[in-house]
């Protein structure tokens, strides 16, 4: 399993919203450009430690955050 994961979004606004929500929940993360091997679209994704995946998924569900997918990097 990868040490880091990224959440891909359909828009930058969703990535900013998710970053703010994770910050409020004290989940260490960083907004980064989408890695080219995952998508050729321009934009940002949210990178976090994979060990927090369960917490991140609960936060996504509770806050009804729209996202494309989560990938290990």
Protein backbone atom coordinates (compact mmCIF):
# COMPACT_ATOMS: atom_id res chain seq x y z
CA UNK A 1 0.00 0.00 0.00
CA UNK A 2 1.23 3.49 -0.84
CA UNK A 3 2.34 5.77 1.95
CA UNK A 4 0.56 8.75 0.36
CA UNK A 5 -2.80 9.11 -1.36
CA UNK A 6 -4.46 11.89 -3.32
CA UNK A 7 -8.08 12.87 -3.73
CA UNK A 8 -8.91 13.97 -7.27
CA UNK A 9 -11.76 16.41 -7.87
CA UNK A 10 -13.77 17.69 -10.81
CA UNK A 11 -12.98 21.31 -9.89
CA UNK A 12 -10.45 23.32 -7.95
CA UNK A 13 -13.28 24.69 -5.79
CA UNK A 14 -13.98 21.19 -4.47
CA UNK A 15 -10.31 20.64 -3.64
CA UNK A 16 -10.16 23.94 -1.74
CA UNK A 17 -13.32 23.03 0.17
CA UNK A 18 -11.90 19.62 1.07
CA UNK A 19 -8.64 21.18 2.21
CA UNK A 20 -10.53 23.52 4.53
CA UNK A 21 -12.58 20.66 5.95
CA UNK A 22 -9.49 18.53 6.58
CA UNK A 23 -7.79 21.47 8.27
CA UNK A 24 -10.77 21.90 10.62
CA UNK A 25 -10.52 18.17 11.44
CA UNK A 26 -6.75 18.35 12.06
CA UNK A 27 -5.90 15.91 9.24
CA UNK A 28 -2.41 16.61 7.90
CA UNK A 29 -2.65 17.22 4.15
CA UNK A 30 -1.41 19.41 1.31
CA UNK A 31 -2.94 20.77 -1.88
CA UNK A 32 -0.70 19.79 -4.79
CA UNK A 33 -0.93 19.83 -8.60
CA UNK A 34 -2.54 16.68 -9.97
CA UNK A 35 0.25 14.20 -10.88
CA UNK A 36 0.43 13.82 -14.69
CA UNK A 37 0.33 10.02 -14.48
CA UNK A 38 -3.13 10.25 -12.86
CA UNK A 39 -4.74 12.88 -15.07
CA UNK A 40 -3.80 15.20 -17.90
CA UNK A 41 -6.29 17.77 -16.63
CA UNK A 42 -4.92 20.88 -14.99
CA UNK A 43 -5.85 21.39 -11.39
CA UNK A 44 -5.15 20.54 -7.82
CA UNK A 45 -5.69 17.53 -5.64
CA UNK A 46 -5.39 16.95 -1.91
CA UNK A 47 -2.54 14.71 -0.75
CA UNK A 48 -2.64 12.97 2.62
CA UNK A 49 -1.06 10.03 4.42
CA UNK A 50 -2.81 6.81 3.48
CA UNK A 51 -2.95 5.85 7.15
CA UNK A 52 -5.70 8.51 7.47
CA UNK A 53 -7.82 7.05 4.66
CA UNK A 54 -10.64 5.81 6.90
CA UNK A 55 -10.93 9.19 8.63
CA UNK A 56 -10.82 11.03 5.30
CA UNK A 57 -13.57 8.83 3.87
CA UNK A 58 -15.79 9.50 6.91
CA UNK A 59 -15.16 13.24 6.57
CA UNK A 60 -16.04 13.10 2.86
CA UNK A 61 -19.29 11.28 3.64
CA UNK A 62 -20.31 13.52 6.54
CA UNK A 63 -19.62 16.71 4.56
CA UNK A 64 -21.02 15.41 1.27
CA UNK A 65 -17.85 16.36 -0.63
CA UNK A 66 -17.91 15.71 -4.38
CA UNK A 67 -14.76 14.01 -5.65
CA UNK A 68 -13.62 11.97 -8.61
CA UNK A 69 -11.50 9.29 -6.97
CA UNK A 70 -8.78 8.53 -4.43
CA UNK A 71 -5.47 7.08 -5.65
CA UNK A 72 -2.35 5.88 -3.89
CA UNK A 73 0.82 7.55 -5.12
